[in-house]
Amino acid sequence: MSTRHAPVVAHYRYSVQWSPEDQEFVATVAEFPSLSWLDEDQIEALRNLENLVAAVIEDLARSGEKIPQPLADRKYSGRLNLRVSPELHRKLALEAANHGVPLNRYATELLTA
């Protein structure tokens, strides 16, 4: 594995959980939802998945394909667009008006509650 991509591998969002079906630990990575690794040792599951991610990144780089950016390294604008039903939109707008605040502020307060 080239060191050019090595620091990025550690920035991905990994998770290791016990799998009752497999009777082993399963390691997953959010940015590569199709990848996982099973092992009876949770540390080894994580270590082997990190190695797999590194190999996949190398393959993607070699073929000129886009490498997913780690969630931890992404920049967020603070702007969020949601699609809701017209009924919910109306309900939220009325509730915001009843509270005397703009809809965006009301929705933000609901999301942070």
PDB file of N, CA and C in Angstrom:
ATOM      1  N   MET A   1       0.844  -1.178   0.000  1.00  0.00           N
ATOM      2  CA  MET A   1       0.000   0.000   0.000  1.00  0.00           C
ATOM      3  C   MET A   1       0.882   1.232   0.000  1.00  0.00           C
ATOM      4  N   SER A   2       0.543   2.219  -0.816  1.00  0.00           N
ATOM      5  CA  SER A   2       1.343   3.429  -0.857  1.00  0.00           C
ATOM      6  C   SER A   2       1.015   4.289   0.351  1.00  0.00           C
ATOM      7  N   THR A   3       2.011   5.023   0.824  1.00  0.00           N
ATOM      8  CA  THR A   3       1.795   5.882   1.979  1.00  0.00           C
ATOM      9  C   THR A   3       0.945   7.093   1.610  1.00  0.00           C
ATOM     10  N   ARG A   4       0.795   7.355   0.321  1.00  0.00           N
ATOM     11  CA  ARG A   4      -0.016   8.480  -0.136  1.00  0.00           C
ATOM     12  C   ARG A   4      -1.445   8.371   0.383  1.00  0.00           C
ATOM     13  N   HIS A   5      -1.979   7.163   0.501  1.00  0.00           N
ATOM     14  CA  HIS A   5      -3.354   6.973   0.940  1.00  0.00           C
ATOM     15  C   HIS A   5      -3.449   6.471   2.382  1.00  0.00           C
ATOM     16  N   ALA A   6      -2.332   6.122   3.006  1.00  0.00           N
ATOM     17  CA  ALA A   6      -2.363   5.527   4.341  1.00  0.00           C
ATOM     18  C   ALA A   6      -3.062   6.390   5.387  1.00  0.00           C
ATOM     19  N   PRO A   7      -2.808   7.706   5.467  1.00  0.00           N
ATOM     20  CA  PRO A   7      -3.473   8.488   6.510  1.00  0.00           C
ATOM     21  C   PRO A   7      -4.993   8.517   6.344  1.00  0.00           C
ATOM     22  N   VAL A   8      -5.466   8.453   5.130  1.00  0.00           N
ATOM     23  CA  VAL A   8      -6.899   8.519   4.876  1.00  0.00           C
ATOM     24  C   VAL A   8      -7.603   7.294   5.445  1.00  0.00           C
ATOM     25  N   VAL A   9      -7.000   6.142   5.377  1.00  0.00           N
ATOM     26  CA  VAL A   9      -7.618   4.893   5.834  1.00  0.00           C
ATOM     27  C   VAL A   9      -8.070   5.012   7.287  1.00  0.00           C
ATOM     28  N   ALA A  10      -7.288   5.640   8.126  1.00  0.00           N
ATOM     29  CA  ALA A  10      -7.616   5.762   9.540  1.00  0.00           C
ATOM     30  C   ALA A  10      -8.746   6.756   9.797  1.00  0.00           C
ATOM     31  N   HIS A  11      -9.054   7.601   8.823  1.00  0.00           N
ATOM     32  CA  HIS A  11     -10.088   8.621   9.020  1.00  0.00           C
ATOM     33  C   HIS A  11     -11.500   8.119   8.741  1.00  0.00           C
ATOM     34  N   TYR A  12     -11.629   6.935   8.172  1.00  0.00           N
ATOM     35  CA  TYR A  12     -12.963   6.421   7.866  1.00  0.00           C
ATOM     36  C   TYR A  12     -13.704   6.044   9.141  1.00  0.00           C
ATOM     37  N   ARG A  13     -15.017   5.904   9.032  1.00  0.00           N
ATOM     38  CA  ARG A  13     -15.866   5.619  10.201  1.00  0.00           C
ATOM     39  C   ARG A  13     -16.105   4.106  10.281  1.00  0.00           C
ATOM     40  N   TYR A  14     -15.349   3.469  11.163  1.00  0.00           N
ATOM     41  CA  TYR A  14     -15.424   2.030  11.347  1.00  0.00           C
ATOM     42  C   TYR A  14     -16.335   1.669  12.522  1.00  0.00           C
ATOM     43  N   SER A  15     -16.890   0.482  12.448  1.00  0.00           N
ATOM     44  CA  SER A  15     -17.713  -0.045  13.532  1.00  0.00           C
ATOM     45  C   SER A  15     -17.457  -1.540  13.622  1.00  0.00           C
ATOM     46  N   VAL A  16     -17.371  -2.040  14.847  1.00  0.00           N
ATOM     47  CA  VAL A  16     -17.219  -3.483  15.070  1.00  0.00           C
ATOM     48  C   VAL A  16     -18.311  -3.918  16.037  1.00  0.00           C
ATOM     49  N   GLN A  17     -19.073  -4.919  15.625  1.00  0.00           N
ATOM     50  CA  GLN A  17     -20.170  -5.421  16.448  1.00  0.00           C
ATOM     51  C   GLN A  17     -20.173  -6.943  16.419  1.00  0.00           C
ATOM     52  N   TRP A  18     -20.732  -7.517  17.457  1.00  0.00           N
ATOM     53  CA  TRP A  18     -20.913  -8.957  17.500  1.00  0.00           C
ATOM     54  C   TRP A  18     -22.055  -9.341  16.580  1.00  0.00           C
ATOM     55  N   SER A  19     -21.852 -10.365  15.765  1.00  0.00           N
ATOM     56  CA  SER A  19     -22.891 -10.875  14.879  1.00  0.00           C
ATOM     57  C   SER A  19     -23.387 -12.213  15.418  1.00  0.00           C
ATOM     58  N   PRO A  20     -24.589 -12.239  16.010  1.00  0.00           N
ATOM     59  CA  PRO A  20     -25.110 -13.510  16.531  1.00  0.00           C
ATOM     60  C   PRO A  20     -25.280 -14.557  15.433  1.00  0.00           C
ATOM     61  N   GLU A  21     -25.657 -14.104  14.233  1.00  0.00           N
ATOM     62  CA  GLU A  21     -25.853 -15.057  13.123  1.00  0.00           C
ATOM     63  C   GLU A  21     -24.552 -15.757  12.740  1.00  0.00           C
ATOM     64  N   ASP A  22     -23.450 -14.975  12.733  1.00  0.00           N
ATOM     65  CA  ASP A  22     -22.161 -15.523  12.308  1.00  0.00           C
ATOM     66  C   ASP A  22     -21.323 -16.038  13.474  1.00  0.00           C
ATOM     67  N   GLN A  23     -21.733 -15.671  14.703  1.00  0.00           N
ATOM     68  CA  GLN A  23     -20.971 -16.024  15.890  1.00  0.00           C
ATOM     69  C   GLN A  23     -19.526 -15.511  15.811  1.00  0.00           C
ATOM     70  N   GLU A  24     -19.395 -14.314  15.199  1.00  0.00           N
ATOM     71  CA  GLU A  24     -18.110 -13.635  15.088  1.00  0.00           C
ATOM     72  C   GLU A  24     -18.371 -12.138  15.131  1.00  0.00           C
ATOM     73  N   PHE A  25     -17.289 -11.374  15.275  1.00  0.00           N
ATOM     74  CA  PHE A  25     -17.395  -9.928  15.182  1.00  0.00           C
ATOM     75  C   PHE A  25     -17.405  -9.526  13.714  1.00  0.00           C
ATOM     76  N   VAL A  26     -18.221  -8.540  13.380  1.00  0.00           N
ATOM     77  CA  VAL A  26     -18.249  -8.022  12.022  1.00  0.00           C
ATOM     78  C   VAL A  26     -17.829  -6.560  12.064  1.00  0.00           C
ATOM     79  N   ALA A  27     -16.817  -6.247  11.277  1.00  0.00           N
ATOM     80  CA  ALA A  27     -16.340  -4.873  11.152  1.00  0.00           C
ATOM     81  C   ALA A  27     -16.915  -4.297   9.860  1.00  0.00           C
ATOM     82  N   THR A  28     -17.411  -3.068   9.943  1.00  0.00           N
ATOM     83  CA  THR A  28     -17.961  -2.376   8.775  1.00  0.00           C
ATOM     84  C   THR A  28     -17.371  -0.972   8.719  1.00  0.00           C
ATOM     85  N   VAL A  29     -17.525  -0.346   7.552  1.00  0.00           N
ATOM     86  CA  VAL A  29     -17.032   1.020   7.369  1.00  0.00           C
ATOM     87  C   VAL A  29     -18.104   1.806   6.610  1.00  0.00           C
ATOM     88  N   ALA A  30     -18.534   2.927   7.176  1.00  0.00           N
ATOM     89  CA  ALA A  30     -19.674   3.681   6.641  1.00  0.00           C
ATOM     90  C   ALA A  30     -19.466   4.141   5.200  1.00  0.00           C
ATOM     91  N   GLU A  31     -18.272   4.558   4.864  1.00  0.00           N
ATOM     92  CA  GLU A  31     -18.008   5.106   3.531  1.00  0.00           C
ATOM     93  C   GLU A  31     -17.927   4.035   2.443  1.00  0.00           C
ATOM     94  N   PHE A  32     -17.784   2.779   2.827  1.00  0.00           N
ATOM     95  CA  PHE A  32     -17.749   1.652   1.900  1.00  0.00           C
ATOM     96  C   PHE A  32     -18.783   0.625   2.370  1.00  0.00           C
ATOM     97  N   PRO A  33     -20.077   0.879   2.168  1.00  0.00           N
ATOM     98  CA  PRO A  33     -21.109   0.006   2.743  1.00  0.00           C
ATOM     99  C   PRO A  33     -21.080  -1.435   2.254  1.00  0.00           C
ATOM    100  N   SER A  34     -20.421  -1.706   1.146  1.00  0.00           N
ATOM    101  CA  SER A  34     -20.385  -3.085   0.651  1.00  0.00           C
ATOM    102  C   SER A  34     -19.237  -3.897   1.257  1.00  0.00           C
ATOM    103  N   LEU A  35     -18.375  -3.262   2.052  1.00  0.00           N
ATOM    104  CA  LEU A  35     -17.240  -3.961   2.647  1.00  0.00           C
ATOM    105  C   LEU A  35     -17.516  -4.328   4.095  1.00  0.00           C
ATOM    106  N   SER A  36     -17.055  -5.507   4.485  1.00  0.00           N
ATOM    107  CA  SER A  36     -17.111  -5.922   5.892  1.00  0.00           C
ATOM    108  C   SER A  36     -16.067  -7.008   6.102  1.00  0.00           C
ATOM    109  N   TRP A  37     -15.798  -7.305   7.374  1.00  0.00           N
ATOM    110  CA  TRP A  37     -14.843  -8.361   7.699  1.00  0.00           C
ATOM    111  C   TRP A  37     -15.314  -9.073   8.957  1.00  0.00           C
ATOM    112  N   LEU A  38     -15.346 -10.390   8.902  1.00  0.00           N
ATOM    113  CA  LEU A  38     -15.719 -11.217  10.049  1.00  0.00           C
ATOM    114  C   LEU A  38     -14.469 -11.818  10.681  1.00  0.00           C
ATOM    115  N   ASP A  39     -14.452 -11.842  12.022  1.00  0.00           N
ATOM    116  CA  ASP A  39     -13.341 -12.478  12.729  1.00  0.00           C
ATOM    117  C   ASP A  39     -13.802 -12.802  14.142  1.00  0.00           C
ATOM    118  N   GLU A  40     -13.232 -13.839  14.734  1.00  0.00           N
ATOM    119  CA  GLU A  40     -13.610 -14.171  16.107  1.00  0.00           C
ATOM    120  C   GLU A  40     -13.024 -13.172  17.101  1.00  0.00           C
ATOM    121  N   ASP A  41     -12.045 -12.380  16.682  1.00  0.00           N
ATOM    122  CA  ASP A  41     -11.423 -11.353  17.523  1.00  0.00           C
ATOM    123  C   ASP A  41     -11.803  -9.978  16.972  1.00  0.00           C
ATOM    124  N   GLN A  42     -12.363  -9.105  17.809  1.00  0.00           N
ATOM    125  CA  GLN A  42     -12.849  -7.829  17.299  1.00  0.00           C
ATOM    126  C   GLN A  42     -11.722  -6.921  16.802  1.00  0.00           C
ATOM    127  N   ILE A  43     -10.561  -6.975  17.435  1.00  0.00           N
ATOM    128  CA  ILE A  43      -9.424  -6.158  16.992  1.00  0.00           C
ATOM    129  C   ILE A  43      -8.949  -6.630  15.623  1.00  0.00           C
ATOM    130  N   GLU A  44      -8.905  -7.937  15.437  1.00  0.00           N
ATOM    131  CA  GLU A  44      -8.491  -8.481  14.132  1.00  0.00           C
ATOM    132  C   GLU A  44      -9.518  -8.160  13.049  1.00  0.00           C
ATOM    133  N   ALA A  45     -10.794  -8.162  13.399  1.00  0.00           N
ATOM    134  CA  ALA A  45     -11.824  -7.802  12.419  1.00  0.00           C
ATOM    135  C   ALA A  45     -11.582  -6.381  11.932  1.00  0.00           C
ATOM    136  N   LEU A  46     -11.315  -5.482  12.856  1.00  0.00           N
ATOM    137  CA  LEU A  46     -11.046  -4.086  12.488  1.00  0.00           C
ATOM    138  C   LEU A  46      -9.754  -3.964  11.693  1.00  0.00           C
ATOM    139  N   ARG A  47      -8.704  -4.602  12.161  1.00  0.00           N
ATOM    140  CA  ARG A  47      -7.403  -4.523  11.483  1.00  0.00           C
ATOM    141  C   ARG A  47      -7.507  -5.048  10.043  1.00  0.00           C
ATOM    142  N   ASN A  48      -8.165  -6.177   9.870  1.00  0.00           N
ATOM    143  CA  ASN A  48      -8.287  -6.753   8.527  1.00  0.00           C
ATOM    144  C   ASN A  48      -9.184  -5.900   7.623  1.00  0.00           C
ATOM    145  N   LEU A  49     -10.222  -5.289   8.186  1.00  0.00           N
ATOM    146  CA  LEU A  49     -11.056  -4.407   7.371  1.00  0.00           C
ATOM    147  C   LEU A  49     -10.267  -3.174   6.947  1.00  0.00           C
ATOM    148  N   GLU A  50      -9.449  -2.613   7.845  1.00  0.00           N
ATOM    149  CA  GLU A  50      -8.614  -1.470   7.473  1.00  0.00           C
ATOM    150  C   GLU A  50      -7.678  -1.849   6.328  1.00  0.00           C
ATOM    151  N   ASN A  51      -7.105  -3.043   6.378  1.00  0.00           N
ATOM    152  CA  ASN A  51      -6.236  -3.505   5.289  1.00  0.00           C
ATOM    153  C   ASN A  51      -7.023  -3.658   3.990  1.00  0.00           C
ATOM    154  N   LEU A  52      -8.237  -4.163   4.085  1.00  0.00           N
ATOM    155  CA  LEU A  52      -9.090  -4.305   2.905  1.00  0.00           C
ATOM    156  C   LEU A  52      -9.428  -2.936   2.322  1.00  0.00           C
ATOM    157  N   VAL A  53      -9.775  -1.982   3.175  1.00  0.00           N
ATOM    158  CA  VAL A  53     -10.078  -0.626   2.709  1.00  0.00           C
ATOM    159  C   VAL A  53      -8.861  -0.036   2.005  1.00  0.00           C
ATOM    160  N   ALA A  54      -7.685  -0.224   2.574  1.00  0.00           N
ATOM    161  CA  ALA A  54      -6.458   0.278   1.946  1.00  0.00           C
ATOM    162  C   ALA A  54      -6.266  -0.321   0.559  1.00  0.00           C
ATOM    163  N   ALA A  55      -6.508  -1.616   0.428  1.00  0.00           N
ATOM    164  CA  ALA A  55      -6.367  -2.279  -0.875  1.00  0.00           C
ATOM    165  C   ALA A  55      -7.406  -1.755  -1.869  1.00  0.00           C
ATOM    166  N   VAL A  56      -8.632  -1.547  -1.419  1.00  0.00           N
ATOM    167  CA  VAL A  56      -9.680  -1.022  -2.298  1.00  0.00           C
ATOM    168  C   VAL A  56      -9.321   0.391  -2.746  1.00  0.00           C
ATOM    169  N   ILE A  57      -8.812   1.209  -1.825  1.00  0.00           N
ATOM    170  CA  ILE A  57      -8.396   2.568  -2.180  1.00  0.00           C
ATOM    171  C   ILE A  57      -7.299   2.535  -3.229  1.00  0.00           C
ATOM    172  N   GLU A  58      -6.345   1.646  -3.068  1.00  0.00           N
ATOM    173  CA  GLU A  58      -5.266   1.509  -4.056  1.00  0.00           C
ATOM    174  C   GLU A  58      -5.834   1.122  -5.425  1.00  0.00           C
ATOM    175  N   ASP A  59      -6.777   0.177  -5.441  1.00  0.00           N
ATOM    176  CA  ASP A  59      -7.401  -0.227  -6.707  1.00  0.00           C
ATOM    177  C   ASP A  59      -8.163   0.931  -7.338  1.00  0.00           C
ATOM    178  N   LEU A  60      -8.897   1.671  -6.538  1.00  0.00           N
ATOM    179  CA  LEU A  60      -9.647   2.822  -7.056  1.00  0.00           C
ATOM    180  C   LEU A  60      -8.701   3.873  -7.620  1.00  0.00           C
ATOM    181  N   ALA A  61      -7.621   4.134  -6.908  1.00  0.00           N
ATOM    182  CA  ALA A  61      -6.638   5.123  -7.372  1.00  0.00           C
ATOM    183  C   ALA A  61      -5.983   4.681  -8.673  1.00  0.00           C
ATOM    184  N   ARG A  62      -5.635   3.400  -8.747  1.00  0.00           N
ATOM    185  CA  ARG A  62      -4.999   2.866  -9.960  1.00  0.00           C
ATOM    186  C   ARG A  62      -5.904   2.977 -11.180  1.00  0.00           C
ATOM    187  N   SER A  63      -7.196   2.755 -10.961  1.00  0.00           N
ATOM    188  CA  SER A  63      -8.139   2.775 -12.086  1.00  0.00           C
ATOM    189  C   SER A  63      -8.728   4.165 -12.326  1.00  0.00           C
ATOM    190  N   GLY A  64      -8.306   5.140 -11.519  1.00  0.00           N
ATOM    191  CA  GLY A  64      -8.779   6.504 -11.712  1.00  0.00           C
ATOM    192  C   GLY A  64     -10.198   6.751 -11.215  1.00  0.00           C
ATOM    193  N   GLU A  65     -10.703   5.827 -10.408  1.00  0.00           N
ATOM    194  CA  GLU A  65     -12.054   5.994  -9.872  1.00  0.00           C
ATOM    195  C   GLU A  65     -12.034   6.883  -8.630  1.00  0.00           C
ATOM    196  N   LYS A  66     -13.187   7.438  -8.312  1.00  0.00           N
ATOM    197  CA  LYS A  66     -13.315   8.328  -7.166  1.00  0.00           C
ATOM    198  C   LYS A  66     -13.181   7.541  -5.863  1.00  0.00           C
ATOM    199  N   ILE A  67     -12.380   8.076  -4.946  1.00  0.00           N
ATOM    200  CA  ILE A  67     -12.194   7.477  -3.627  1.00  0.00           C
ATOM    201  C   ILE A  67     -13.112   8.228  -2.659  1.00  0.00           C
ATOM    202  N   PRO A  68     -13.968   7.510  -1.935  1.00  0.00           N
ATOM    203  CA  PRO A  68     -14.864   8.190  -0.997  1.00  0.00           C
ATOM    204  C   PRO A  68     -14.090   8.998   0.045  1.00  0.00           C
ATOM    205  N   GLN A  69     -14.545  10.209   0.276  1.00  0.00           N
ATOM    206  CA  GLN A  69     -13.933  11.054   1.291  1.00  0.00           C
ATOM    207  C   GLN A  69     -14.433  10.612   2.666  1.00  0.00           C
ATOM    208  N   PRO A  70     -13.545  10.497   3.638  1.00  0.00           N
ATOM    209  CA  PRO A  70     -13.992  10.125   4.985  1.00  0.00           C
ATOM    210  C   PRO A  70     -15.005  11.133   5.523  1.00  0.00           C
ATOM    211  N   LEU A  71     -16.028  10.643   6.206  1.00  0.00           N
ATOM    212  CA  LEU A  71     -17.031  11.529   6.802  1.00  0.00           C
ATOM    213  C   LEU A  71     -16.366  12.549   7.726  1.00  0.00           C
ATOM    214  N   ALA A  72     -15.345  12.129   8.454  1.00  0.00           N
ATOM    215  CA  ALA A  72     -14.663  13.009   9.402  1.00  0.00           C
ATOM    216  C   ALA A  72     -13.961  14.177   8.711  1.00  0.00           C
ATOM    217  N   ASP A  73     -13.596  14.013   7.447  1.00  0.00           N
ATOM    218  CA  ASP A  73     -12.868  15.054   6.727  1.00  0.00           C
ATOM    219  C   ASP A  73     -13.762  15.945   5.873  1.00  0.00           C
ATOM    220  N   ARG A  74     -15.045  15.610   5.802  1.00  0.00           N
ATOM    221  CA  ARG A  74     -15.963  16.393   4.978  1.00  0.00           C
ATOM    222  C   ARG A  74     -16.287  17.718   5.642  1.00  0.00           C
ATOM    223  N   LYS A  75     -16.490  18.723   4.819  1.00  0.00           N
ATOM    224  CA  LYS A  75     -16.904  20.037   5.298  1.00  0.00           C
ATOM    225  C   LYS A  75     -18.402  20.153   5.082  1.00  0.00           C
ATOM    226  N   TYR A  76     -19.098  20.687   6.058  1.00  0.00           N
ATOM    227  CA  TYR A  76     -20.547  20.825   5.976  1.00  0.00           C
ATOM    228  C   TYR A  76     -20.910  22.307   5.968  1.00  0.00           C
ATOM    229  N   SER A  77     -21.867  22.664   5.122  1.00  0.00           N
ATOM    230  CA  SER A  77     -22.253  24.064   4.936  1.00  0.00           C
ATOM    231  C   SER A  77     -23.210  24.559   6.018  1.00  0.00           C
ATOM    232  N   GLY A  78     -23.881  23.647   6.684  1.00  0.00           N
ATOM    233  CA  GLY A  78     -24.911  24.047   7.628  1.00  0.00           C
ATOM    234  C   GLY A  78     -26.268  24.180   6.958  1.00  0.00           C
ATOM    235  N   ARG A  79     -26.296  23.921   5.680  1.00  0.00           N
ATOM    236  CA  ARG A  79     -27.542  24.000   4.919  1.00  0.00           C
ATOM    237  C   ARG A  79     -28.054  22.576   4.708  1.00  0.00           C
ATOM    238  N   LEU A  80     -29.318  22.363   5.038  1.00  0.00           N
ATOM    239  CA  LEU A  80     -29.918  21.045   4.928  1.00  0.00           C
ATOM    240  C   LEU A  80     -31.268  21.187   4.239  1.00  0.00           C
ATOM    241  N   ASN A  81     -31.456  20.496   3.152  1.00  0.00           N
ATOM    242  CA  ASN A  81     -32.731  20.522   2.443  1.00  0.00           C
ATOM    243  C   ASN A  81     -33.439  19.199   2.665  1.00  0.00           C
ATOM    244  N   LEU A  82     -34.658  19.281   3.154  1.00  0.00           N
ATOM    245  CA  LEU A  82     -35.441  18.078   3.403  1.00  0.00           C
ATOM    246  C   LEU A  82     -36.660  18.058   2.499  1.00  0.00           C
ATOM    247  N   ARG A  83     -37.034  16.882   2.046  1.00  0.00           N
ATOM    248  CA  ARG A  83     -38.283  16.710   1.315  1.00  0.00           C
ATOM    249  C   ARG A  83     -39.277  16.060   2.273  1.00  0.00           C
ATOM    250  N   VAL A  84     -40.399  16.738   2.463  1.00  0.00           N
ATOM    251  CA  VAL A  84     -41.448  16.220   3.331  1.00  0.00           C
ATOM    252  C   VAL A  84     -42.764  16.313   2.575  1.00  0.00           C
ATOM    253  N   SER A  85     -43.756  15.665   3.098  1.00  0.00           N
ATOM    254  CA  SER A  85     -45.072  15.726   2.462  1.00  0.00           C
ATOM    255  C   SER A  85     -45.631  17.147   2.602  1.00  0.00           C
ATOM    256  N   PRO A  86     -46.508  17.552   1.673  1.00  0.00           N
ATOM    257  CA  PRO A  86     -47.132  18.872   1.791  1.00  0.00           C
ATOM    258  C   PRO A  86     -47.879  19.038   3.119  1.00  0.00           C
ATOM    259  N   GLU A  87     -48.468  17.956   3.619  1.00  0.00           N
ATOM    260  CA  GLU A  87     -49.190  18.018   4.883  1.00  0.00           C
ATOM    261  C   GLU A  87     -48.253  18.332   6.052  1.00  0.00           C
ATOM    262  N   LEU A  88     -47.088  17.658   6.072  1.00  0.00           N
ATOM    263  CA  LEU A  88     -46.128  17.916   7.141  1.00  0.00           C
ATOM    264  C   LEU A  88     -45.559  19.324   7.026  1.00  0.00           C
ATOM    265  N   HIS A  89     -45.284  19.759   5.807  1.00  0.00           N
ATOM    266  CA  HIS A  89     -44.773  21.112   5.580  1.00  0.00           C
ATOM    267  C   HIS A  89     -45.758  22.140   6.150  1.00  0.00           C
ATOM    268  N   ARG A  90     -47.034  21.957   5.835  1.00  0.00           N
ATOM    269  CA  ARG A  90     -48.075  22.866   6.318  1.00  0.00           C
ATOM    270  C   ARG A  90     -48.139  22.838   7.846  1.00  0.00           C
ATOM    271  N   LYS A  91     -48.113  21.642   8.425  1.00  0.00           N
ATOM    272  CA  LYS A  91     -48.186  21.498   9.880  1.00  0.00           C
ATOM    273  C   LYS A  91     -47.023  22.225  10.553  1.00  0.00           C
ATOM    274  N   LEU A  92     -45.811  22.027  10.043  1.00  0.00           N
ATOM    275  CA  LEU A  92     -44.631  22.673  10.624  1.00  0.00           C
ATOM    276  C   LEU A  92     -44.697  24.186  10.468  1.00  0.00           C
ATOM    277  N   ALA A  93     -45.148  24.647   9.303  1.00  0.00           N
ATOM    278  CA  ALA A  93     -45.263  26.086   9.068  1.00  0.00           C
ATOM    279  C   ALA A  93     -46.256  26.712  10.043  1.00  0.00           C
ATOM    280  N   LEU A  94     -47.379  26.039  10.270  1.00  0.00           N
ATOM    281  CA  LEU A  94     -48.375  26.549  11.215  1.00  0.00           C
ATOM    282  C   LEU A  94     -47.835  26.554  12.652  1.00  0.00           C
ATOM    283  N   GLU A  95     -47.139  25.488  13.025  1.00  0.00           N
ATOM    284  CA  GLU A  95     -46.564  25.430  14.369  1.00  0.00           C
ATOM    285  C   GLU A  95     -45.513  26.519  14.557  1.00  0.00           C
ATOM    286  N   ALA A  96     -44.689  26.749  13.542  1.00  0.00           N
ATOM    287  CA  ALA A  96     -43.679  27.811  13.617  1.00  0.00           C
ATOM    288  C   ALA A  96     -44.365  29.165  13.780  1.00  0.00           C
ATOM    289  N   ALA A  97     -45.419  29.398  13.011  1.00  0.00           N
ATOM    290  CA  ALA A  97     -46.161  30.656  13.115  1.00  0.00           C
ATOM    291  C   ALA A  97     -46.768  30.807  14.507  1.00  0.00           C
ATOM    292  N   ASN A  98     -47.296  29.738  15.052  1.00  0.00           N
ATOM    293  CA  ASN A  98     -47.870  29.774  16.400  1.00  0.00           C
ATOM    294  C   ASN A  98     -46.822  30.107  17.459  1.00  0.00           C
ATOM    295  N   HIS A  99     -45.576  29.708  17.204  1.00  0.00           N
ATOM    296  CA  HIS A  99     -44.483  30.014  18.132  1.00  0.00           C
ATOM    297  C   HIS A  99     -43.842  31.361  17.819  1.00  0.00           C
ATOM    298  N   GLY A 100     -44.273  31.978  16.717  1.00  0.00           N
ATOM    299  CA  GLY A 100     -43.738  33.289  16.346  1.00  0.00           C
ATOM    300  C   GLY A 100     -42.310  33.271  15.860  1.00  0.00           C
ATOM    301  N   VAL A 101     -41.910  32.149  15.232  1.00  0.00           N
ATOM    302  CA  VAL A 101     -40.539  32.037  14.716  1.00  0.00           C
ATOM    303  C   VAL A 101     -40.572  31.576  13.263  1.00  0.00           C
ATOM    304  N   PRO A 102     -39.508  31.874  12.494  1.00  0.00           N
ATOM    305  CA  PRO A 102     -39.447  31.369  11.122  1.00  0.00           C
ATOM    306  C   PRO A 102     -39.403  29.831  11.101  1.00  0.00           C
ATOM    307  N   LEU A 103     -39.872  29.263  10.006  1.00  0.00           N
ATOM    308  CA  LEU A 103     -39.914  27.808   9.870  1.00  0.00           C
ATOM    309  C   LEU A 103     -38.533  27.184  10.046  1.00  0.00           C
ATOM    310  N   ASN A 104     -37.491  27.747   9.443  1.00  0.00           N
ATOM    311  CA  ASN A 104     -36.147  27.165   9.577  1.00  0.00           C
ATOM    312  C   ASN A 104     -35.702  27.116  11.033  1.00  0.00           C
ATOM    313  N   ARG A 105     -35.950  28.182  11.772  1.00  0.00           N
ATOM    314  CA  ARG A 105     -35.564  28.202  13.187  1.00  0.00           C
ATOM    315  C   ARG A 105     -36.356  27.149  13.961  1.00  0.00           C
ATOM    316  N   TYR A 106     -37.648  27.056  13.684  1.00  0.00           N
ATOM    317  CA  TYR A 106     -38.486  26.078  14.373  1.00  0.00           C
ATOM    318  C   TYR A 106     -37.997  24.654  14.090  1.00  0.00           C
ATOM    319  N   ALA A 107     -37.721  24.376  12.820  1.00  0.00           N
ATOM    320  CA  ALA A 107     -37.238  23.035  12.447  1.00  0.00           C
ATOM    321  C   ALA A 107     -35.900  22.736  13.106  1.00  0.00           C
ATOM    322  N   THR A 108     -35.015  23.724  13.163  1.00  0.00           N
ATOM    323  CA  THR A 108     -33.719  23.535  13.811  1.00  0.00           C
ATOM    324  C   THR A 108     -33.904  23.211  15.294  1.00  0.00           C
ATOM    325  N   GLU A 109     -34.824  23.935  15.944  1.00  0.00           N
ATOM    326  CA  GLU A 109     -35.090  23.663  17.357  1.00  0.00           C
ATOM    327  C   GLU A 109     -35.625  22.246  17.551  1.00  0.00           C
ATOM    328  N   LEU A 110     -36.491  21.797  16.640  1.00  0.00           N
ATOM    329  CA  LEU A 110     -37.010  20.419  16.737  1.00  0.00           C
ATOM    330  C   LEU A 110     -35.890  19.390  16.554  1.00  0.00           C
ATOM    331  N   LEU A 111     -34.995  19.653  15.615  1.00  0.00           N
ATOM    332  CA  LEU A 111     -33.913  18.703  15.346  1.00  0.00           C
ATOM    333  C   LEU A 111     -32.883  18.645  16.474  1.00  0.00           C
ATOM    334  N   THR A 112     -32.724  19.732  17.204  1.00  0.00           N
ATOM    335  CA  THR A 112     -31.729  19.744  18.276  1.00  0.00           C
ATOM    336  C   THR A 112     -32.300  19.375  19.629  1.00  0.00           C
ATOM    337  N   ALA A 113     -33.603  19.171  19.685  1.00  0.00           N
ATOM    338  CA  ALA A 113     -34.253  18.833  20.968  1.00  0.00           C
ATOM    339  C   ALA A 113     -33.960  17.406  21.371  1.00  0.00           C
TER     340      ALA A 113
END
